[in-house]
Amino acid sequence: MDVKNARRWALRGTRAWLAAAAALAIAAGVRLLLHPLIGPIMPGTAFCIAASLIEYFFGLAPALAVMVLGLGLADYLFVPPYAAIDVFNRADVILILSYPLVTLFIIVLIERLRRAQFRAELIASVAQSRYEMLLRHDNERMLARRAIDETHRLLRHLSHHHKTFILIQALERKARPQQDEGRVPSLLPRLPNEIAPGPRFADVNPDDLQRLSKALLPGSHRARLKGSDGASKLTDCVCERFTTHAGDFLVLRIGD
């Protein structure tokens, strides 16, 4: 995968240049403190370390600035004769050849590693986003499959118990006021007139019918139904719930 933004891994702006100036000053101060002990040995080491650290945290441009300025400071302050720019000898040549070569090798290597790391992080972020999209797609597919299965179950139920059906009531998905995010919308029944009567609808006592239509819930119920002799009899009924792709339904039928 070609990631063009891999070059923009480092922080930009004034902060990077202030950090470069601070690193250059600290490297010069540490080298001055060590100068009485080590003399002219390794005059550019502190500046090489400073440039490497700046490269790791802030990128190539500030690190190159620290390297160039560090070369001037190292040659002026720590290569004999000290604090003199009119003398150019073998020590100056060694510093000018060795210090930039080593420092450039280190900061270029760090730059490549940091770009590779940033590229891997970008690819991981893209992969995570795609994985979440696939999960959502799978969840939607599973919900759709479940709804289809419930639809088939409802149809089989209707065909098997059609003679004992009293009514079918639709449920409407309405979201209650949500105080917390992520709460699942509740399911509230529609108005009582949103009812499909079944074959035994007319046999139910009107008072029981009104009571059931207003507060119909899944489970067992009892209602007065007319028998073959015309007399009302208290009968056990069963209410079942079906979740389909077209919505949720409650089916009330006479118990077995």
C-alpha atoms as a PDB file:
ATOM      1  CA  MET A   1       0.000   0.000   0.000  1.00  0.00           C
ATOM      2  CA  ASP A   2       1.361   3.393  -1.032  1.00  0.00           C
ATOM      3  CA  VAL A   3       1.059   5.776   1.929  1.00  0.00           C
ATOM      4  CA  LYS A   4       2.048   9.276   0.818  1.00  0.00           C
ATOM      5  CA  ASN A   5       1.508  10.805   4.257  1.00  0.00           C
ATOM      6  CA  ALA A   6       4.314   8.721   5.770  1.00  0.00           C
ATOM      7  CA  ARG A   7       6.686  11.673   5.270  1.00  0.00           C
ATOM      8  CA  ARG A   8       4.588  13.856   7.526  1.00  0.00           C
ATOM      9  CA  TRP A   9       5.123  11.873  10.700  1.00  0.00           C
ATOM     10  CA  ALA A  10       7.085  14.539  12.587  1.00  0.00           C
ATOM     11  CA  LEU A  11       5.694  17.453  14.567  1.00  0.00           C
ATOM     12  CA  ARG A  12       5.946  20.776  12.772  1.00  0.00           C
ATOM     13  CA  GLY A  13       5.973  24.409  13.819  1.00  0.00           C
ATOM     14  CA  THR A  14       7.802  26.570  16.337  1.00  0.00           C
ATOM     15  CA  ARG A  15       7.969  23.820  18.931  1.00  0.00           C
ATOM     16  CA  ALA A  16      10.322  21.705  16.826  1.00  0.00           C
ATOM     17  CA  TRP A  17      12.765  24.568  16.263  1.00  0.00           C
ATOM     18  CA  LEU A  18      12.715  25.595  19.923  1.00  0.00           C
ATOM     19  CA  ALA A  19      13.519  21.999  20.850  1.00  0.00           C
ATOM     20  CA  ALA A  20      16.381  21.986  18.324  1.00  0.00           C
ATOM     21  CA  ALA A  21      17.824  25.183  19.805  1.00  0.00           C
ATOM     22  CA  ALA A  22      17.516  23.765  23.323  1.00  0.00           C
ATOM     23  CA  ALA A  23      19.200  20.500  22.302  1.00  0.00           C
ATOM     24  CA  LEU A  24      22.043  22.424  20.658  1.00  0.00           C
ATOM     25  CA  ALA A  25      22.552  24.553  23.761  1.00  0.00           C
ATOM     26  CA  ILE A  26      22.470  21.529  26.092  1.00  0.00           C
ATOM     27  CA  ALA A  27      24.953  19.621  23.912  1.00  0.00           C
ATOM     28  CA  ALA A  28      27.316  22.602  23.886  1.00  0.00           C
ATOM     29  CA  GLY A  29      26.981  23.012  27.667  1.00  0.00           C
ATOM     30  CA  VAL A  30      27.667  19.329  28.367  1.00  0.00           C
ATOM     31  CA  ARG A  31      30.672  19.357  26.043  1.00  0.00           C
ATOM     32  CA  LEU A  32      32.031  22.467  27.778  1.00  0.00           C
ATOM     33  CA  LEU A  33      31.701  20.747  31.140  1.00  0.00           C
ATOM     34  CA  LEU A  34      33.560  17.692  29.855  1.00  0.00           C
ATOM     35  CA  HIS A  35      36.194  19.682  27.993  1.00  0.00           C
ATOM     36  CA  PRO A  36      38.623  19.944  30.949  1.00  0.00           C
ATOM     37  CA  LEU A  37      38.537  16.126  31.234  1.00  0.00           C
ATOM     38  CA  ILE A  38      38.661  14.922  27.623  1.00  0.00           C
ATOM     39  CA  GLY A  39      40.140  17.910  25.817  1.00  0.00           C
ATOM     40  CA  PRO A  40      39.912  17.729  21.999  1.00  0.00           C
ATOM     41  CA  ILE A  41      38.810  14.073  21.928  1.00  0.00           C
ATOM     42  CA  MET A  42      35.529  13.475  20.039  1.00  0.00           C
ATOM     43  CA  PRO A  43      34.517  17.142  19.714  1.00  0.00           C
ATOM     44  CA  GLY A  44      31.319  16.417  17.764  1.00  0.00           C
ATOM     45  CA  THR A  45      29.882  13.494  19.734  1.00  0.00           C
ATOM     46  CA  ALA A  46      27.527  15.553  21.907  1.00  0.00           C
ATOM     47  CA  PHE A  47      26.173  17.373  18.864  1.00  0.00           C
ATOM     48  CA  CYS A  48      25.713  14.084  17.013  1.00  0.00           C
ATOM     49  CA  ILE A  49      23.627  12.742  19.899  1.00  0.00           C
ATOM     50  CA  ALA A  50      21.607  15.964  20.021  1.00  0.00           C
ATOM     51  CA  ALA A  51      20.908  15.800  16.278  1.00  0.00           C
ATOM     52  CA  SER A  52      19.852  12.153  16.574  1.00  0.00           C
ATOM     53  CA  LEU A  53      17.410  12.908  19.381  1.00  0.00           C
ATOM     54  CA  ILE A  54      15.921  15.846  17.503  1.00  0.00           C
ATOM     55  CA  GLU A  55      15.542  13.625  14.419  1.00  0.00           C
ATOM     56  CA  TYR A  56      13.721  10.971  16.437  1.00  0.00           C
ATOM     57  CA  PHE A  57      11.178  13.400  17.897  1.00  0.00           C
ATOM     58  CA  PHE A  58      10.928  16.305  15.433  1.00  0.00           C
ATOM     59  CA  GLY A  59      12.080  15.177  12.017  1.00  0.00           C
ATOM     60  CA  LEU A  60      14.764  15.759   9.441  1.00  0.00           C
ATOM     61  CA  ALA A  61      14.922  19.557   9.004  1.00  0.00           C
ATOM     62  CA  PRO A  62      15.550  20.479  12.679  1.00  0.00           C
ATOM     63  CA  ALA A  63      18.053  17.619  12.966  1.00  0.00           C
ATOM     64  CA  LEU A  64      20.026  18.871   9.959  1.00  0.00           C
ATOM     65  CA  ALA A  65      20.058  22.362  11.473  1.00  0.00           C
ATOM     66  CA  VAL A  66      21.443  20.973  14.746  1.00  0.00           C
ATOM     67  CA  MET A  67      24.065  19.002  12.822  1.00  0.00           C
ATOM     68  CA  VAL A  68      25.289  22.005  10.790  1.00  0.00           C
ATOM     69  CA  LEU A  69      25.351  24.403  13.734  1.00  0.00           C
ATOM     70  CA  GLY A  70      26.921  21.730  15.919  1.00  0.00           C
ATOM     71  CA  LEU A  71      29.702  21.276  13.378  1.00  0.00           C
ATOM     72  CA  GLY A  72      30.524  24.972  13.576  1.00  0.00           C
ATOM     73  CA  LEU A  73      30.458  25.023  17.377  1.00  0.00           C
ATOM     74  CA  ALA A  74      32.531  21.866  17.675  1.00  0.00           C
ATOM     75  CA  ASP A  75      35.173  23.158  15.275  1.00  0.00           C
ATOM     76  CA  TYR A  76      35.313  26.581  16.901  1.00  0.00           C
ATOM     77  CA  LEU A  77      35.235  25.600  20.593  1.00  0.00           C
ATOM     78  CA  PHE A  78      36.695  22.110  20.878  1.00  0.00           C
ATOM     79  CA  VAL A  79      39.281  21.719  18.103  1.00  0.00           C
ATOM     80  CA  PRO A  80      42.662  23.265  18.862  1.00  0.00           C
ATOM     81  CA  PRO A  81      43.563  26.037  18.531  1.00  0.00           C
ATOM     82  CA  TYR A  82      40.408  26.895  20.459  1.00  0.00           C
ATOM     83  CA  ALA A  83      38.201  29.883  19.553  1.00  0.00           C
ATOM     84  CA  ALA A  84      40.164  30.546  16.381  1.00  0.00           C
ATOM     85  CA  ILE A  85      38.809  30.512  12.827  1.00  0.00           C
ATOM     86  CA  ASP A  86      41.921  31.591  10.935  1.00  0.00           C
ATOM     87  CA  VAL A  87      43.713  28.250  11.395  1.00  0.00           C
ATOM     88  CA  PHE A  88      42.713  25.165   9.374  1.00  0.00           C
ATOM     89  CA  ASN A  89      44.639  21.991  10.194  1.00  0.00           C
ATOM     90  CA  ARG A  90      44.375  18.216  10.141  1.00  0.00           C
ATOM     91  CA  ALA A  91      42.009  18.093  13.154  1.00  0.00           C
ATOM     92  CA  ASP A  92      39.574  20.360  11.331  1.00  0.00           C
ATOM     93  CA  VAL A  93      39.644  18.118   8.268  1.00  0.00           C
ATOM     94  CA  ILE A  94      39.009  15.001  10.353  1.00  0.00           C
ATOM     95  CA  LEU A  95      36.056  16.653  12.099  1.00  0.00           C
ATOM     96  CA  ILE A  96      34.554  17.993   8.863  1.00  0.00           C
ATOM     97  CA  LEU A  97      34.762  14.565   7.216  1.00  0.00           C
ATOM     98  CA  SER A  98      33.830  12.259  10.069  1.00  0.00           C
ATOM     99  CA  TYR A  99      31.190  14.200  11.996  1.00  0.00           C
ATOM    100  CA  PRO A 100      28.737  14.909   9.115  1.00  0.00           C
ATOM    101  CA  LEU A 101      29.191  11.404   7.698  1.00  0.00           C
ATOM    102  CA  VAL A 102      28.333   9.637  10.954  1.00  0.00           C
ATOM    103  CA  THR A 103      25.577  12.073  11.913  1.00  0.00           C
ATOM    104  CA  LEU A 104      23.927  11.928   8.485  1.00  0.00           C
ATOM    105  CA  PHE A 105      24.009   8.132   8.527  1.00  0.00           C
ATOM    106  CA  ILE A 106      22.303   8.037  11.930  1.00  0.00           C
ATOM    107  CA  ILE A 107      19.613  10.620  11.249  1.00  0.00           C
ATOM    108  CA  VAL A 108      18.778   9.197   7.797  1.00  0.00           C
ATOM    109  CA  LEU A 109      18.430   5.757   9.331  1.00  0.00           C
ATOM    110  CA  ILE A 110      16.177   7.134  12.073  1.00  0.00           C
ATOM    111  CA  GLU A 111      14.138   9.020   9.463  1.00  0.00           C
ATOM    112  CA  ARG A 112      13.516   5.853   7.463  1.00  0.00           C
ATOM    113  CA  LEU A 113      12.568   3.913  10.577  1.00  0.00           C
ATOM    114  CA  ARG A 114      10.193   6.624  11.760  1.00  0.00           C
ATOM    115  CA  ARG A 115       8.529   6.814   8.347  1.00  0.00           C
ATOM    116  CA  ALA A 116       8.107   3.050   8.324  1.00  0.00           C
ATOM    117  CA  GLN A 117       6.636   3.171  11.816  1.00  0.00           C
ATOM    118  CA  PHE A 118       4.224   5.956  10.901  1.00  0.00           C
ATOM    119  CA  ARG A 119       3.246   4.133   7.717  1.00  0.00           C
ATOM    120  CA  ALA A 120       2.520   0.982   9.726  1.00  0.00           C
ATOM    121  CA  GLU A 121       0.395   2.996  12.164  1.00  0.00           C
ATOM    122  CA  LEU A 122      -1.601   4.535   9.310  1.00  0.00           C
ATOM    123  CA  ILE A 123      -2.164   1.129   7.728  1.00  0.00           C
ATOM    124  CA  ALA A 124      -3.217  -0.254  11.110  1.00  0.00           C
ATOM    125  CA  SER A 125      -5.716   2.595  11.532  1.00  0.00           C
ATOM    126  CA  VAL A 126      -7.163   1.944   8.079  1.00  0.00           C
ATOM    127  CA  ALA A 127      -7.335  -1.787   8.800  1.00  0.00           C
ATOM    128  CA  GLN A 128      -9.081  -1.103  12.120  1.00  0.00           C
ATOM    129  CA  SER A 129     -11.644   1.111  10.390  1.00  0.00           C
ATOM    130  CA  ARG A 130     -12.302  -1.512   7.731  1.00  0.00           C
ATOM    131  CA  TYR A 131     -12.563  -4.204  10.385  1.00  0.00           C
ATOM    132  CA  GLU A 132     -15.171  -2.163  12.259  1.00  0.00           C
ATOM    133  CA  MET A 133     -17.076  -1.628   9.009  1.00  0.00           C
ATOM    134  CA  LEU A 134     -17.028  -5.386   8.388  1.00  0.00           C
ATOM    135  CA  LEU A 135     -18.272  -6.030  11.918  1.00  0.00           C
ATOM    136  CA  ARG A 136     -21.145  -3.594  11.444  1.00  0.00           C
ATOM    137  CA  HIS A 137     -21.954  -5.205   8.110  1.00  0.00           C
ATOM    138  CA  ASP A 138     -21.914  -8.669   9.691  1.00  0.00           C
ATOM    139  CA  ASN A 139     -24.144  -7.474  12.528  1.00  0.00           C
ATOM    140  CA  GLU A 140     -26.613  -5.976  10.064  1.00  0.00           C
ATOM    141  CA  ARG A 141     -26.550  -9.182   8.015  1.00  0.00           C
ATOM    142  CA  MET A 142     -27.158 -11.295  11.128  1.00  0.00           C
ATOM    143  CA  LEU A 143     -30.038  -9.052  12.199  1.00  0.00           C
ATOM    144  CA  ALA A 144     -31.545  -9.253   8.714  1.00  0.00           C
ATOM    145  CA  ARG A 145     -31.187 -13.041   8.693  1.00  0.00           C
ATOM    146  CA  ARG A 146     -32.780 -13.238  12.132  1.00  0.00           C
ATOM    147  CA  ALA A 147     -35.668 -11.054  10.969  1.00  0.00           C
ATOM    148  CA  ILE A 148     -36.183 -13.260   7.920  1.00  0.00           C
ATOM    149  CA  ASP A 149     -36.159 -16.371  10.096  1.00  0.00           C
ATOM    150  CA  GLU A 150     -38.695 -14.767  12.406  1.00  0.00           C
ATOM    151  CA  THR A 151     -40.858 -13.921   9.402  1.00  0.00           C
ATOM    152  CA  HIS A 152     -40.782 -17.532   8.288  1.00  0.00           C
ATOM    153  CA  ARG A 153     -41.599 -18.645  11.819  1.00  0.00           C
ATOM    154  CA  LEU A 154     -44.532 -16.234  11.937  1.00  0.00           C
ATOM    155  CA  LEU A 155     -45.874 -17.564   8.640  1.00  0.00           C
ATOM    156  CA  ARG A 156     -45.561 -21.166   9.811  1.00  0.00           C
ATOM    157  CA  HIS A 157     -47.240 -20.194  13.065  1.00  0.00           C
ATOM    158  CA  LEU A 158     -50.101 -18.524  11.212  1.00  0.00           C
ATOM    159  CA  SER A 159     -50.646 -21.506   8.967  1.00  0.00           C
ATOM    160  CA  HIS A 160     -50.515 -23.981  11.844  1.00  0.00           C
ATOM    161  CA  HIS A 161     -52.736 -22.132  14.352  1.00  0.00           C
ATOM    162  CA  HIS A 162     -54.907 -20.085  12.004  1.00  0.00           C
ATOM    163  CA  LYS A 163     -58.132 -21.452  13.471  1.00  0.00           C
ATOM    164  CA  THR A 164     -57.204 -20.370  17.010  1.00  0.00           C
ATOM    165  CA  PHE A 165     -56.037 -16.847  16.239  1.00  0.00           C
ATOM    166  CA  ILE A 166     -57.732 -13.998  18.042  1.00  0.00           C
ATOM    167  CA  LEU A 167     -55.775 -10.970  16.861  1.00  0.00           C
ATOM    168  CA  ILE A 168     -52.419  -9.701  15.613  1.00  0.00           C
ATOM    169  CA  GLN A 169     -51.104  -6.388  16.920  1.00  0.00           C
ATOM    170  CA  ALA A 170     -48.182  -4.463  15.431  1.00  0.00           C
ATOM    171  CA  LEU A 171     -45.458  -2.891  17.572  1.00  0.00           C
ATOM    172  CA  GLU A 172     -43.896   0.407  16.675  1.00  0.00           C
ATOM    173  CA  ARG A 173     -40.243   1.233  17.367  1.00  0.00           C
ATOM    174  CA  LYS A 174     -40.171   4.516  19.271  1.00  0.00           C
ATOM    175  CA  ALA A 175     -37.096   5.920  20.946  1.00  0.00           C
ATOM    176  CA  ARG A 176     -37.761   7.153  24.458  1.00  0.00           C
ATOM    177  CA  PRO A 177     -35.866  10.275  25.604  1.00  0.00           C
ATOM    178  CA  GLN A 178     -32.306   9.020  25.950  1.00  0.00           C
ATOM    179  CA  GLN A 179     -30.168  10.433  28.706  1.00  0.00           C
ATOM    180  CA  ASP A 180     -27.280   8.084  27.996  1.00  0.00           C
ATOM    181  CA  GLU A 181     -25.849   7.469  24.574  1.00  0.00           C
ATOM    182  CA  GLY A 182     -26.045   3.990  23.138  1.00  0.00           C
ATOM    183  CA  ARG A 183     -29.361   3.055  24.754  1.00  0.00           C
ATOM    184  CA  VAL A 184     -31.446   0.695  22.618  1.00  0.00           C
ATOM    185  CA  PRO A 185     -34.747   2.228  21.481  1.00  0.00           C
ATOM    186  CA  SER A 186     -37.748   0.769  23.279  1.00  0.00           C
ATOM    187  CA  LEU A 187     -40.681  -0.902  21.577  1.00  0.00           C
ATOM    188  CA  LEU A 188     -44.052   0.592  22.321  1.00  0.00           C
ATOM    189  CA  PRO A 189     -47.370  -0.690  20.981  1.00  0.00           C
ATOM    190  CA  ARG A 190     -49.333   1.365  18.543  1.00  0.00           C
ATOM    191  CA  LEU A 191     -52.876   2.508  19.107  1.00  0.00           C
ATOM    192  CA  PRO A 192     -55.534  -0.162  19.701  1.00  0.00           C
ATOM    193  CA  ASN A 193     -57.001   0.309  16.215  1.00  0.00           C
ATOM    194  CA  GLU A 194     -53.721  -1.025  14.715  1.00  0.00           C
ATOM    195  CA  ILE A 195     -55.006  -4.564  15.169  1.00  0.00           C
ATOM    196  CA  ALA A 196     -55.652  -7.275  12.620  1.00  0.00           C
ATOM    197  CA  PRO A 197     -58.545  -9.508  13.784  1.00  0.00           C
ATOM    198  CA  GLY A 198     -58.266 -13.271  13.583  1.00  0.00           C
ATOM    199  CA  PRO A 199     -60.883 -16.006  13.059  1.00  0.00           C
ATOM    200  CA  ARG A 200     -61.827 -16.010  16.787  1.00  0.00           C
ATOM    201  CA  PHE A 201     -61.792 -12.221  17.202  1.00  0.00           C
ATOM    202  CA  ALA A 202     -65.581 -11.920  17.196  1.00  0.00           C
ATOM    203  CA  ASP A 203     -65.923 -14.605  19.897  1.00  0.00           C
ATOM    204  CA  VAL A 204     -64.020 -12.600  22.524  1.00  0.00           C
ATOM    205  CA  ASN A 205     -65.967 -10.655  25.106  1.00  0.00           C
ATOM    206  CA  PRO A 206     -65.818  -6.908  24.213  1.00  0.00           C
ATOM    207  CA  ASP A 207     -64.581  -5.917  27.669  1.00  0.00           C
ATOM    208  CA  ASP A 208     -61.769  -8.489  27.557  1.00  0.00           C
ATOM    209  CA  LEU A 209     -60.961  -7.467  24.012  1.00  0.00           C
ATOM    210  CA  GLN A 210     -60.608  -3.837  24.986  1.00  0.00           C
ATOM    211  CA  ARG A 211     -58.462  -4.770  27.977  1.00  0.00           C
ATOM    212  CA  LEU A 212     -56.152  -6.977  25.929  1.00  0.00           C
ATOM    213  CA  SER A 213     -55.777  -4.522  23.081  1.00  0.00           C
ATOM    214  CA  LYS A 214     -54.615  -1.774  25.462  1.00  0.00           C
ATOM    215  CA  ALA A 215     -52.129  -3.845  27.452  1.00  0.00           C
ATOM    216  CA  LEU A 216     -51.137  -6.827  25.358  1.00  0.00           C
ATOM    217  CA  LEU A 217     -47.817  -8.375  26.378  1.00  0.00           C
ATOM    218  CA  PRO A 218     -46.127 -11.675  25.535  1.00  0.00           C
ATOM    219  CA  GLY A 219     -47.179 -14.432  27.889  1.00  0.00           C
ATOM    220  CA  SER A 220     -50.358 -16.079  29.190  1.00  0.00           C
ATOM    221  CA  HIS A 221     -53.727 -14.332  29.284  1.00  0.00           C
ATOM    222  CA  ARG A 222     -57.313 -15.265  30.104  1.00  0.00           C
ATOM    223  CA  ALA A 223     -60.341 -14.063  28.208  1.00  0.00           C
ATOM    224  CA  ARG A 224     -64.021 -14.953  27.904  1.00  0.00           C
ATOM    225  CA  LEU A 225     -64.841 -16.579  24.570  1.00  0.00           C
ATOM    226  CA  LYS A 226     -68.142 -17.776  23.159  1.00  0.00           C
ATOM    227  CA  GLY A 227     -68.400 -21.472  22.726  1.00  0.00           C
ATOM    228  CA  SER A 228     -70.341 -23.506  20.184  1.00  0.00           C
ATOM    229  CA  ASP A 229     -73.420 -23.249  22.409  1.00  0.00           C
ATOM    230  CA  GLY A 230     -73.202 -19.441  22.544  1.00  0.00           C
ATOM    231  CA  ALA A 231     -72.178 -19.295  26.219  1.00  0.00           C
ATOM    232  CA  SER A 232     -69.073 -17.348  27.291  1.00  0.00           C
ATOM    233  CA  LYS A 233     -66.326 -19.379  28.863  1.00  0.00           C
ATOM    234  CA  LEU A 234     -63.072 -18.256  30.501  1.00  0.00           C
ATOM    235  CA  THR A 235     -60.326 -19.490  28.186  1.00  0.00           C
ATOM    236  CA  ASP A 236     -56.508 -19.576  28.483  1.00  0.00           C
ATOM    237  CA  CYS A 237     -54.795 -17.621  25.714  1.00  0.00           C
ATOM    238  CA  VAL A 238     -51.175 -17.289  24.670  1.00  0.00           C
ATOM    239  CA  CYS A 239     -49.510 -14.152  23.295  1.00  0.00           C
ATOM    240  CA  GLU A 240     -46.263 -14.556  21.342  1.00  0.00           C
ATOM    241  CA  ARG A 241     -43.945 -11.973  19.906  1.00  0.00           C
ATOM    242  CA  PHE A 242     -42.331 -12.097  16.446  1.00  0.00           C
ATOM    243  CA  THR A 243     -39.546  -9.807  15.213  1.00  0.00           C
ATOM    244  CA  THR A 244     -39.507  -9.556  11.434  1.00  0.00           C
ATOM    245  CA  HIS A 245     -37.929  -7.297   8.832  1.00  0.00           C
ATOM    246  CA  ALA A 246     -41.272  -5.500   8.532  1.00  0.00           C
ATOM    247  CA  GLY A 247     -41.513  -4.834  12.265  1.00  0.00           C
ATOM    248  CA  ASP A 248     -42.510  -6.543  15.502  1.00  0.00           C
ATOM    249  CA  PHE A 249     -45.862  -8.250  16.004  1.00  0.00           C
ATOM    250  CA  LEU A 250     -47.816  -9.737  18.894  1.00  0.00           C
ATOM    251  CA  VAL A 251     -50.015 -12.712  18.090  1.00  0.00           C
ATOM    252  CA  LEU A 252     -52.773 -13.664  20.499  1.00  0.00           C
ATOM    253  CA  ARG A 253     -54.284 -17.113  20.096  1.00  0.00           C
ATOM    254  CA  ILE A 254     -56.177 -19.677  22.121  1.00  0.00           C
ATOM    255  CA  GLY A 255     -53.860 -21.844  24.182  1.00  0.00           C
ATOM    256  CA  ASP A 256     -53.296 -25.499  23.374  1.00  0.00           C
END
